[in-house]
C-alpha cells in the first residue's frame, strides 16, 4: 500500500518537473527542492511533507530514497529521464520530462503554497548556488558526512520565514531612512 507521504513525495517530484523546465531542474537541484519542502514544512508545522530521511552528501542534503522514488515514477510511466553529457569531461545531467501531471489535491493548502514559493524562488537559481546555500544551514553543517540530517535544526533555514522577512523589511526601512537623512544634509 502506498502511504499518504509517498503519494506526496511522488507528486512533489512531478510538480517540480512540471513547473520547472528541463534546463532548470536536474537531479541535484530536485534533491535540494525536496529538502527545502520537507525542512521548511517541519520548521513551520512540526512535520515534513514526505516523511523521508535526508543524508549529508558532498553536494548537499539528499533524500534517502530519491533514486528509488524516481525509478518508481519512471516505471509507472509518469516521468521520463533524459541523461545528457554537459561538458567535455563527460559530466552528465539528468533532465526530467513529465508524462503525467501531478495530483496536486494530495497537498494541503500550506504545502501547495510552499511548492509554489519554491518553484518561484528557485526556478532561475543555479544548482551550484542552491548547493552552496544548503551547505550554510545547520541541518547540513551539523550532520556528519553520510549521516542523517536533524529536522530539529530546520529553524536555521530562513526561506519564507515571516519573522525573519519582517526583520529584514524593518532593517531595509531604517537603511532607506538613514540614506534619506544623509542625502538631505547635502
N, C-alpha and C. Protein backbone atom coordinates (compact mmCIF):
# COMPACT_ATOMS: atom_id res chain seq x y z
N UNK A 1 0.84 -1.20 0.00
CA UNK A 1 0.00 0.00 0.00
C UNK A 1 0.88 1.25 0.00
N UNK A 2 0.52 2.20 -0.83
CA UNK A 2 1.26 3.46 -0.91
C UNK A 2 0.75 4.40 0.17
N UNK A 3 1.67 4.90 0.98
CA UNK A 3 1.28 5.80 2.06
C UNK A 3 0.96 7.19 1.53
N UNK A 4 0.29 7.97 2.36
CA UNK A 4 -0.05 9.35 2.03
C UNK A 4 1.24 10.15 1.76
N UNK A 5 2.26 9.93 2.58
CA UNK A 5 3.53 10.64 2.41
C UNK A 5 4.21 10.25 1.11
N UNK A 6 4.14 8.96 0.74
CA UNK A 6 4.76 8.51 -0.51
C UNK A 6 4.05 9.16 -1.71
N UNK A 7 2.73 9.28 -1.63
CA UNK A 7 1.99 9.96 -2.71
C UNK A 7 2.44 11.41 -2.82
N UNK A 8 2.63 12.05 -1.67
CA UNK A 8 3.09 13.43 -1.68
C UNK A 8 4.51 13.53 -2.24
N UNK A 9 5.35 12.58 -1.88
CA UNK A 9 6.73 12.55 -2.36
C UNK A 9 6.74 12.45 -3.89
N UNK A 10 6.01 11.48 -4.42
CA UNK A 10 5.95 11.28 -5.87
C UNK A 10 5.37 12.51 -6.57
N UNK A 11 4.31 13.06 -6.01
CA UNK A 11 3.66 14.21 -6.65
C UNK A 11 4.47 15.49 -6.51
N UNK A 12 5.29 15.60 -5.47
CA UNK A 12 6.20 16.74 -5.36
C UNK A 12 7.25 16.68 -6.47
N UNK A 13 7.77 15.51 -6.74
CA UNK A 13 8.73 15.35 -7.84
C UNK A 13 8.06 15.73 -9.16
N UNK A 14 6.85 15.22 -9.38
CA UNK A 14 6.13 15.55 -10.62
C UNK A 14 5.82 17.04 -10.69
N UNK A 15 5.51 17.64 -9.56
CA UNK A 15 5.22 19.07 -9.51
C UNK A 15 6.44 19.87 -9.97
N UNK A 16 7.60 19.57 -9.39
CA UNK A 16 8.81 20.29 -9.76
C UNK A 16 9.14 20.06 -11.24
N UNK A 17 8.94 18.82 -11.70
CA UNK A 17 9.23 18.50 -13.11
C UNK A 17 8.25 19.23 -14.04
N UNK A 18 7.03 19.45 -13.59
CA UNK A 18 6.04 20.15 -14.42
C UNK A 18 6.32 21.65 -14.50
N UNK A 19 6.61 22.25 -13.36
CA UNK A 19 6.70 23.70 -13.30
C UNK A 19 8.10 24.27 -13.50
N UNK A 20 9.11 23.42 -13.59
CA UNK A 20 10.46 23.87 -13.90
C UNK A 20 10.88 23.22 -15.21
N UNK A 21 11.50 23.99 -16.07
CA UNK A 21 11.91 23.43 -17.36
C UNK A 21 13.02 22.41 -17.17
N UNK A 22 13.26 21.63 -18.19
CA UNK A 22 14.30 20.61 -18.09
C UNK A 22 15.68 21.25 -17.92
N UNK A 23 15.83 22.51 -18.31
CA UNK A 23 17.11 23.20 -18.11
C UNK A 23 17.22 23.77 -16.70
N UNK A 24 16.10 23.93 -16.02
CA UNK A 24 16.11 24.47 -14.66
C UNK A 24 16.20 23.37 -13.61
N UNK A 25 15.91 22.13 -13.99
CA UNK A 25 15.79 21.07 -12.99
C UNK A 25 16.58 19.83 -13.38
N UNK A 26 17.59 19.53 -12.59
CA UNK A 26 18.32 18.28 -12.67
C UNK A 26 18.13 17.54 -11.36
N UNK A 27 18.73 16.38 -11.23
CA UNK A 27 18.52 15.57 -10.03
C UNK A 27 19.06 16.25 -8.77
N UNK A 28 20.20 16.91 -8.88
CA UNK A 28 20.78 17.56 -7.70
C UNK A 28 19.88 18.70 -7.22
N UNK A 29 19.40 19.51 -8.13
CA UNK A 29 18.51 20.61 -7.74
C UNK A 29 17.19 20.06 -7.21
N UNK A 30 16.69 19.00 -7.81
CA UNK A 30 15.47 18.35 -7.31
C UNK A 30 15.66 17.91 -5.86
N UNK A 31 16.83 17.33 -5.58
CA UNK A 31 17.11 16.87 -4.20
C UNK A 31 17.06 18.03 -3.22
N UNK A 32 17.58 19.19 -3.61
CA UNK A 32 17.57 20.36 -2.73
C UNK A 32 16.16 20.92 -2.56
N UNK A 33 15.37 20.93 -3.63
CA UNK A 33 14.00 21.43 -3.53
C UNK A 33 13.17 20.55 -2.59
N UNK A 34 13.36 19.24 -2.68
CA UNK A 34 12.65 18.33 -1.77
C UNK A 34 13.10 18.56 -0.32
N UNK A 35 14.39 18.76 -0.14
CA UNK A 35 14.93 19.07 1.20
C UNK A 35 14.25 20.32 1.75
N UNK A 36 14.18 21.38 0.94
CA UNK A 36 13.52 22.61 1.42
C UNK A 36 12.04 22.39 1.67
N UNK A 37 11.38 21.64 0.82
CA UNK A 37 9.97 21.33 1.03
C UNK A 37 9.77 20.68 2.40
N UNK A 38 10.56 19.69 2.70
CA UNK A 38 10.41 18.96 3.95
C UNK A 38 10.88 19.74 5.17
N UNK A 39 12.04 20.37 5.08
CA UNK A 39 12.59 21.03 6.25
C UNK A 39 11.87 22.34 6.57
N UNK A 40 11.41 23.07 5.56
CA UNK A 40 10.63 24.28 5.83
C UNK A 40 9.27 23.90 6.41
N UNK A 41 8.67 22.85 5.89
CA UNK A 41 7.40 22.37 6.45
C UNK A 41 7.59 21.96 7.91
N UNK A 42 8.68 21.27 8.18
CA UNK A 42 8.94 20.85 9.57
C UNK A 42 9.15 22.08 10.45
N UNK A 43 9.88 23.06 9.95
CA UNK A 43 10.11 24.29 10.71
C UNK A 43 8.78 24.97 11.06
N UNK A 44 7.89 25.04 10.07
CA UNK A 44 6.65 25.78 10.24
C UNK A 44 5.55 24.99 10.95
N UNK A 45 5.47 23.69 10.68
CA UNK A 45 4.34 22.89 11.17
C UNK A 45 4.72 21.73 12.08
N UNK A 46 6.02 21.46 12.19
CA UNK A 46 6.47 20.35 13.03
C UNK A 46 6.39 18.98 12.36
N UNK A 47 6.19 18.97 11.03
CA UNK A 47 6.19 17.70 10.30
C UNK A 47 6.62 17.94 8.86
N UNK A 48 7.32 16.95 8.32
CA UNK A 48 7.76 17.06 6.93
C UNK A 48 6.63 16.63 6.01
N UNK A 49 6.77 16.93 4.74
CA UNK A 49 5.75 16.58 3.76
C UNK A 49 5.89 15.11 3.36
N UNK A 50 7.12 14.67 3.08
CA UNK A 50 7.33 13.33 2.54
C UNK A 50 7.70 12.29 3.58
N UNK A 51 8.05 12.74 4.78
CA UNK A 51 8.41 11.83 5.87
C UNK A 51 9.61 10.95 5.49
N UNK A 52 10.59 11.54 4.82
CA UNK A 52 11.78 10.80 4.44
C UNK A 52 13.00 11.34 5.18
N UNK A 53 14.02 10.53 5.26
CA UNK A 53 15.28 10.95 5.88
C UNK A 53 16.18 11.56 4.82
N UNK A 54 16.97 12.53 5.24
CA UNK A 54 17.96 13.17 4.38
C UNK A 54 19.33 12.91 4.97
N UNK A 55 20.31 12.75 4.07
CA UNK A 55 21.67 12.48 4.49
C UNK A 55 22.62 13.55 3.94
N UNK A 56 23.70 13.77 4.69
CA UNK A 56 24.72 14.73 4.27
C UNK A 56 25.59 14.08 3.20
N UNK A 57 25.52 14.65 2.01
CA UNK A 57 26.33 14.19 0.89
C UNK A 57 27.16 15.36 0.38
N UNK A 58 28.11 15.08 -0.47
CA UNK A 58 29.03 16.10 -0.98
C UNK A 58 28.29 17.31 -1.56
N UNK A 59 27.22 17.06 -2.31
CA UNK A 59 26.50 18.16 -2.97
C UNK A 59 25.31 18.64 -2.16
N UNK A 60 25.28 18.33 -0.87
CA UNK A 60 24.22 18.82 -0.01
C UNK A 60 23.28 17.72 0.44
N UNK A 61 22.16 18.10 1.04
CA UNK A 61 21.19 17.13 1.54
C UNK A 61 20.63 16.26 0.42
N UNK A 62 20.50 14.98 0.70
CA UNK A 62 19.96 14.04 -0.27
C UNK A 62 18.98 13.11 0.42
N UNK A 63 17.78 13.03 -0.13
CA UNK A 63 16.75 12.14 0.43
C UNK A 63 17.21 10.68 0.28
N UNK A 64 16.99 9.94 1.32
CA UNK A 64 17.42 8.54 1.40
C UNK A 64 16.96 7.71 0.20
N UNK A 65 15.75 7.93 -0.24
CA UNK A 65 15.15 7.04 -1.24
C UNK A 65 14.78 7.77 -2.54
N UNK A 66 15.46 8.87 -2.83
CA UNK A 66 15.13 9.66 -4.01
C UNK A 66 15.26 8.84 -5.30
N UNK A 67 16.35 8.12 -5.46
CA UNK A 67 16.55 7.33 -6.68
C UNK A 67 15.46 6.28 -6.84
N UNK A 68 15.08 5.67 -5.75
CA UNK A 68 14.01 4.65 -5.78
C UNK A 68 12.67 5.26 -6.19
N UNK A 69 12.35 6.42 -5.65
CA UNK A 69 11.07 7.06 -5.96
C UNK A 69 11.05 7.52 -7.42
N UNK A 70 12.14 8.08 -7.88
CA UNK A 70 12.22 8.47 -9.29
C UNK A 70 12.06 7.24 -10.17
N UNK A 71 12.73 6.15 -9.82
CA UNK A 71 12.61 4.90 -10.58
C UNK A 71 11.19 4.40 -10.63
N UNK A 72 10.48 4.52 -9.53
CA UNK A 72 9.08 4.12 -9.48
C UNK A 72 8.21 4.97 -10.42
N UNK A 73 8.50 6.27 -10.46
CA UNK A 73 7.75 7.16 -11.35
C UNK A 73 8.04 6.85 -12.82
N UNK A 74 9.28 6.51 -13.11
CA UNK A 74 9.65 6.14 -14.48
C UNK A 74 8.96 4.83 -14.85
N UNK A 75 9.01 3.84 -13.94
CA UNK A 75 8.40 2.53 -14.20
C UNK A 75 6.90 2.61 -14.41
N UNK A 76 6.25 3.58 -13.76
CA UNK A 76 4.81 3.73 -13.89
C UNK A 76 4.43 4.73 -14.98
N UNK A 77 5.38 5.08 -15.83
CA UNK A 77 5.16 5.98 -16.98
C UNK A 77 4.59 7.34 -16.59
N UNK A 78 5.08 7.87 -15.48
CA UNK A 78 4.68 9.21 -15.06
C UNK A 78 5.79 10.23 -15.32
N UNK A 79 7.02 9.71 -15.46
CA UNK A 79 8.18 10.57 -15.60
C UNK A 79 9.18 9.89 -16.53
N UNK A 80 9.86 10.71 -17.30
CA UNK A 80 10.90 10.20 -18.19
C UNK A 80 12.19 10.95 -17.86
N UNK A 81 13.31 10.23 -17.91
CA UNK A 81 14.60 10.85 -17.64
C UNK A 81 15.44 10.80 -18.89
N UNK A 82 16.00 11.95 -19.21
CA UNK A 82 16.93 12.03 -20.34
C UNK A 82 18.29 12.40 -19.76
N UNK A 83 19.26 11.54 -19.93
CA UNK A 83 20.61 11.80 -19.42
C UNK A 83 21.43 12.41 -20.55
N UNK A 84 21.98 13.59 -20.29
CA UNK A 84 22.77 14.27 -21.30
C UNK A 84 24.18 14.56 -20.77
N UNK A 85 25.13 14.57 -21.66
CA UNK A 85 26.50 14.95 -21.32
C UNK A 85 26.57 16.46 -21.42
N UNK A 86 27.07 17.11 -20.37
CA UNK A 86 27.03 18.58 -20.35
C UNK A 86 28.39 19.25 -20.55
N UNK A 87 29.47 18.46 -20.53
CA UNK A 87 30.77 19.07 -20.82
C UNK A 87 31.76 18.02 -21.33
N UNK A 88 32.96 18.50 -21.69
CA UNK A 88 33.97 17.62 -22.29
C UNK A 88 34.44 16.52 -21.35
N UNK A 89 34.36 16.76 -20.06
CA UNK A 89 34.84 15.76 -19.10
C UNK A 89 33.88 14.58 -18.97
N UNK A 90 32.74 14.66 -19.65
CA UNK A 90 31.78 13.56 -19.59
C UNK A 90 30.75 13.70 -18.49
N UNK A 91 30.77 14.84 -17.77
CA UNK A 91 29.78 15.06 -16.71
C UNK A 91 28.38 14.98 -17.30
N UNK A 92 27.51 14.27 -16.59
CA UNK A 92 26.15 14.07 -17.09
C UNK A 92 25.14 14.79 -16.22
N UNK A 93 24.00 15.10 -16.83
CA UNK A 93 22.90 15.72 -16.11
C UNK A 93 21.62 15.01 -16.49
N UNK A 94 20.82 14.70 -15.48
CA UNK A 94 19.50 14.12 -15.73
C UNK A 94 18.51 15.26 -15.94
N UNK A 95 17.74 15.15 -17.00
CA UNK A 95 16.67 16.11 -17.26
C UNK A 95 15.36 15.34 -17.20
N UNK A 96 14.38 15.94 -16.57
CA UNK A 96 13.11 15.26 -16.33
C UNK A 96 12.05 15.75 -17.30
N UNK A 97 11.28 14.81 -17.81
CA UNK A 97 10.13 15.13 -18.66
C UNK A 97 8.91 14.48 -18.02
N UNK A 98 7.95 15.30 -17.71
CA UNK A 98 6.74 14.81 -17.06
C UNK A 98 5.84 14.14 -18.10
N UNK A 99 5.34 12.97 -17.78
CA UNK A 99 4.44 12.24 -18.67
C UNK A 99 3.01 12.24 -18.14
N UNK A 100 2.87 12.53 -16.84
CA UNK A 100 1.55 12.61 -16.21
C UNK A 100 1.60 13.75 -15.20
N UNK A 101 0.60 14.62 -15.26
CA UNK A 101 0.55 15.74 -14.32
C UNK A 101 0.48 15.26 -12.88
N UNK A 102 1.05 16.05 -11.97
CA UNK A 102 0.95 15.69 -10.55
C UNK A 102 -0.49 15.81 -10.07
N UNK A 103 -0.82 15.02 -9.07
CA UNK A 103 -2.11 15.14 -8.39
C UNK A 103 -1.92 16.13 -7.25
N UNK A 104 -2.20 17.39 -7.53
CA UNK A 104 -1.95 18.44 -6.54
C UNK A 104 -2.94 18.38 -5.38
N UNK A 105 -4.01 17.61 -5.53
CA UNK A 105 -5.00 17.50 -4.45
C UNK A 105 -4.46 16.74 -3.24
N UNK A 106 -3.33 16.05 -3.39
CA UNK A 106 -2.76 15.32 -2.24
C UNK A 106 -2.12 16.28 -1.25
N UNK A 107 -1.87 17.54 -1.68
CA UNK A 107 -1.24 18.52 -0.82
C UNK A 107 -2.27 19.42 -0.16
N UNK A 108 -2.03 19.74 1.11
CA UNK A 108 -2.91 20.69 1.78
C UNK A 108 -2.56 22.11 1.31
N UNK A 109 -3.31 23.08 1.75
CA UNK A 109 -3.13 24.45 1.28
C UNK A 109 -1.73 24.98 1.58
N UNK A 110 -1.23 24.71 2.77
CA UNK A 110 0.12 25.15 3.13
C UNK A 110 1.15 24.54 2.18
N UNK A 111 1.06 23.24 1.95
CA UNK A 111 2.03 22.54 1.09
C UNK A 111 1.96 23.05 -0.34
N UNK A 112 0.77 23.32 -0.84
CA UNK A 112 0.63 23.87 -2.19
C UNK A 112 1.32 25.23 -2.28
N UNK A 113 1.11 26.06 -1.27
CA UNK A 113 1.76 27.37 -1.24
C UNK A 113 3.27 27.26 -1.18
N UNK A 114 3.76 26.33 -0.38
CA UNK A 114 5.21 26.14 -0.25
C UNK A 114 5.81 25.63 -1.56
N UNK A 115 5.14 24.70 -2.21
CA UNK A 115 5.62 24.22 -3.52
C UNK A 115 5.72 25.39 -4.51
N UNK A 116 4.69 26.24 -4.55
CA UNK A 116 4.69 27.40 -5.46
C UNK A 116 5.86 28.33 -5.13
N UNK A 117 6.06 28.61 -3.84
CA UNK A 117 7.14 29.50 -3.43
C UNK A 117 8.49 28.93 -3.83
N UNK A 118 8.67 27.64 -3.65
CA UNK A 118 9.95 27.01 -4.01
C UNK A 118 10.21 27.13 -5.51
N UNK A 119 9.19 26.86 -6.31
CA UNK A 119 9.34 26.98 -7.76
C UNK A 119 9.65 28.43 -8.14
N UNK A 120 8.88 29.37 -7.62
CA UNK A 120 9.06 30.78 -7.96
C UNK A 120 10.43 31.31 -7.51
N UNK A 121 10.87 30.88 -6.34
CA UNK A 121 12.13 31.37 -5.78
C UNK A 121 13.35 30.75 -6.47
N UNK A 122 13.28 29.46 -6.75
CA UNK A 122 14.47 28.76 -7.22
C UNK A 122 14.49 28.41 -8.71
N UNK A 123 13.48 28.81 -9.45
CA UNK A 123 13.42 28.47 -10.88
C UNK A 123 14.69 28.87 -11.61
N UNK A 124 15.16 30.07 -11.38
CA UNK A 124 16.32 30.56 -12.12
C UNK A 124 17.60 30.62 -11.30
N UNK A 125 17.58 29.96 -10.15
CA UNK A 125 18.78 29.86 -9.32
C UNK A 125 19.55 28.63 -9.80
N UNK A 126 20.86 28.80 -9.99
CA UNK A 126 21.65 27.67 -10.48
C UNK A 126 21.78 26.60 -9.41
N UNK A 127 22.05 25.41 -9.87
CA UNK A 127 22.25 24.29 -8.95
C UNK A 127 23.40 24.58 -8.00
N UNK A 128 24.49 25.16 -8.51
CA UNK A 128 25.64 25.46 -7.65
C UNK A 128 25.27 26.41 -6.53
N UNK A 129 24.44 27.38 -6.81
CA UNK A 129 24.02 28.35 -5.78
C UNK A 129 23.16 27.66 -4.71
N UNK A 130 22.23 26.84 -5.13
CA UNK A 130 21.36 26.17 -4.16
C UNK A 130 22.16 25.15 -3.33
N UNK A 131 23.17 24.54 -3.93
CA UNK A 131 24.06 23.64 -3.17
C UNK A 131 24.80 24.45 -2.12
N UNK A 132 25.40 25.56 -2.53
CA UNK A 132 26.16 26.39 -1.60
C UNK A 132 25.28 26.88 -0.46
N UNK A 133 24.06 27.28 -0.78
CA UNK A 133 23.12 27.74 0.24
C UNK A 133 22.83 26.65 1.25
N UNK A 134 22.56 25.44 0.76
CA UNK A 134 22.23 24.34 1.68
C UNK A 134 23.42 23.99 2.57
N UNK A 135 24.64 24.26 2.10
CA UNK A 135 25.85 23.97 2.88
C UNK A 135 26.07 24.96 4.02
N UNK A 136 25.31 26.04 4.03
CA UNK A 136 25.45 27.05 5.08
C UNK A 136 24.43 26.88 6.20
N UNK A 137 23.52 25.94 6.05
CA UNK A 137 22.42 25.79 7.01
C UNK A 137 22.72 24.68 8.01
N UNK A 138 22.25 24.88 9.23
CA UNK A 138 22.55 23.97 10.34
C UNK A 138 22.25 22.50 10.07
N UNK A 139 21.13 22.14 9.42
CA UNK A 139 20.90 20.70 9.22
C UNK A 139 22.06 20.01 8.49
N UNK A 140 22.63 20.66 7.49
CA UNK A 140 23.74 20.06 6.74
C UNK A 140 25.05 20.23 7.49
N UNK A 141 25.29 21.44 8.02
CA UNK A 141 26.56 21.74 8.69
C UNK A 141 26.79 20.82 9.89
N UNK A 142 25.77 20.58 10.66
CA UNK A 142 25.94 19.83 11.91
C UNK A 142 25.87 18.32 11.75
N UNK A 143 25.50 17.85 10.56
CA UNK A 143 25.46 16.40 10.32
C UNK A 143 26.86 15.89 10.00
N UNK A 144 27.12 14.66 10.35
CA UNK A 144 28.38 14.02 9.98
C UNK A 144 28.29 13.60 8.52
N UNK A 145 29.44 13.54 7.83
CA UNK A 145 29.44 13.09 6.44
C UNK A 145 28.75 11.74 6.32
N UNK A 146 27.75 11.67 5.46
CA UNK A 146 26.99 10.45 5.28
C UNK A 146 25.91 10.24 6.33
N UNK A 147 25.87 11.10 7.35
CA UNK A 147 24.92 10.96 8.44
C UNK A 147 23.59 11.64 8.14
N UNK A 148 22.59 11.28 8.92
CA UNK A 148 21.24 11.84 8.75
C UNK A 148 21.20 13.28 9.22
N UNK A 149 20.42 14.10 8.51
CA UNK A 149 20.19 15.48 8.91
C UNK A 149 19.08 15.51 9.95
N UNK A 150 19.22 16.42 10.91
CA UNK A 150 18.28 16.54 12.01
C UNK A 150 17.21 17.59 11.68
N UNK A 151 15.98 17.13 11.56
CA UNK A 151 14.87 18.04 11.28
C UNK A 151 14.75 19.13 12.34
N UNK A 152 15.16 18.85 13.55
CA UNK A 152 15.03 19.82 14.64
C UNK A 152 15.89 21.06 14.43
N UNK A 153 16.83 20.98 13.48
CA UNK A 153 17.68 22.13 13.17
C UNK A 153 17.11 22.99 12.04
N UNK A 154 15.89 22.68 11.62
CA UNK A 154 15.29 23.38 10.47
C UNK A 154 15.00 24.85 10.75
N UNK A 155 15.01 25.27 12.00
CA UNK A 155 14.77 26.69 12.30
C UNK A 155 15.86 27.59 11.72
N UNK A 156 16.99 27.00 11.35
CA UNK A 156 18.08 27.77 10.77
C UNK A 156 17.82 28.13 9.30
N UNK A 157 16.84 27.52 8.69
CA UNK A 157 16.52 27.80 7.29
C UNK A 157 15.64 29.05 7.26
N UNK A 158 16.14 30.07 6.58
CA UNK A 158 15.46 31.37 6.61
C UNK A 158 14.39 31.55 5.54
N UNK A 159 14.40 30.75 4.50
CA UNK A 159 13.45 30.91 3.39
C UNK A 159 12.01 30.96 3.90
N UNK A 160 11.28 31.97 3.44
CA UNK A 160 9.84 32.11 3.70
C UNK A 160 9.50 32.16 5.19
N UNK A 161 10.46 32.57 6.03
CA UNK A 161 10.21 32.71 7.46
C UNK A 161 9.70 34.12 7.70
N UNK A 162 8.42 34.23 8.03
CA UNK A 162 7.76 35.53 8.16
C UNK A 162 8.48 36.44 9.17
N UNK A 163 8.93 35.90 10.28
CA UNK A 163 9.59 36.71 11.30
C UNK A 163 10.89 37.31 10.76
N UNK A 164 11.69 36.49 10.10
CA UNK A 164 12.96 36.97 9.53
C UNK A 164 12.69 37.96 8.40
N UNK A 165 11.69 37.69 7.57
CA UNK A 165 11.36 38.60 6.48
C UNK A 165 10.89 39.95 7.02
N UNK A 166 10.13 39.95 8.11
CA UNK A 166 9.68 41.21 8.72
C UNK A 166 10.87 41.98 9.28
N UNK A 167 11.81 41.28 9.93
CA UNK A 167 13.02 41.93 10.44
C UNK A 167 13.80 42.56 9.29
N UNK A 168 13.91 41.86 8.17
CA UNK A 168 14.63 42.37 7.00
C UNK A 168 13.94 43.62 6.45
N UNK A 169 12.61 43.59 6.39
CA UNK A 169 11.88 44.78 5.91
C UNK A 169 12.12 45.98 6.82
N UNK A 170 12.11 45.74 8.14
CA UNK A 170 12.36 46.82 9.10
C UNK A 170 13.77 47.37 8.94
N UNK A 171 14.74 46.48 8.77
CA UNK A 171 16.13 46.90 8.55
C UNK A 171 16.23 47.73 7.27
N UNK A 172 15.57 47.26 6.22
CA UNK A 172 15.59 47.99 4.94
C UNK A 172 15.01 49.39 5.12
N UNK A 173 13.92 49.50 5.87
CA UNK A 173 13.31 50.82 6.10
C UNK A 173 14.29 51.74 6.84
N UNK A 174 15.00 51.21 7.82
CA UNK A 174 15.96 52.01 8.59
C UNK A 174 17.10 52.47 7.68
N UNK A 175 17.58 51.60 6.81
CA UNK A 175 18.66 51.96 5.89
C UNK A 175 18.20 53.05 4.93
N UNK A 176 17.01 52.88 4.36
CA UNK A 176 16.47 53.88 3.44
C UNK A 176 16.31 55.22 4.15
N UNK A 177 15.81 55.21 5.38
CA UNK A 177 15.63 56.44 6.14
C UNK A 177 16.98 57.09 6.44
N UNK A 178 17.97 56.29 6.80
CA UNK A 178 19.31 56.83 7.10
C UNK A 178 19.92 57.46 5.84
N UNK A 179 19.72 56.83 4.70
CA UNK A 179 20.23 57.37 3.44
C UNK A 179 19.50 58.68 3.11
N UNK A 180 18.19 58.69 3.30
CA UNK A 180 17.41 59.89 3.02
C UNK A 180 17.89 61.06 3.89
N UNK A 181 18.15 60.80 5.15
CA UNK A 181 18.62 61.85 6.08
C UNK A 181 19.99 62.35 5.64
N UNK A 182 20.88 61.45 5.30
CA UNK A 182 22.22 61.83 4.84
C UNK A 182 22.16 62.67 3.57
N UNK A 183 21.30 62.25 2.64
CA UNK A 183 21.18 62.97 1.37
C UNK A 183 20.58 64.36 1.58
N UNK A 184 19.68 64.49 2.54
CA UNK A 184 19.04 65.79 2.78
C UNK A 184 20.01 66.78 3.43
N UNK A 185 21.10 66.29 4.03
CA UNK A 185 22.10 67.17 4.64
C UNK A 185 22.93 67.89 3.58
N UNK A 186 22.99 67.32 2.40
CA UNK A 186 23.83 67.90 1.34
C UNK A 186 23.13 68.97 0.58
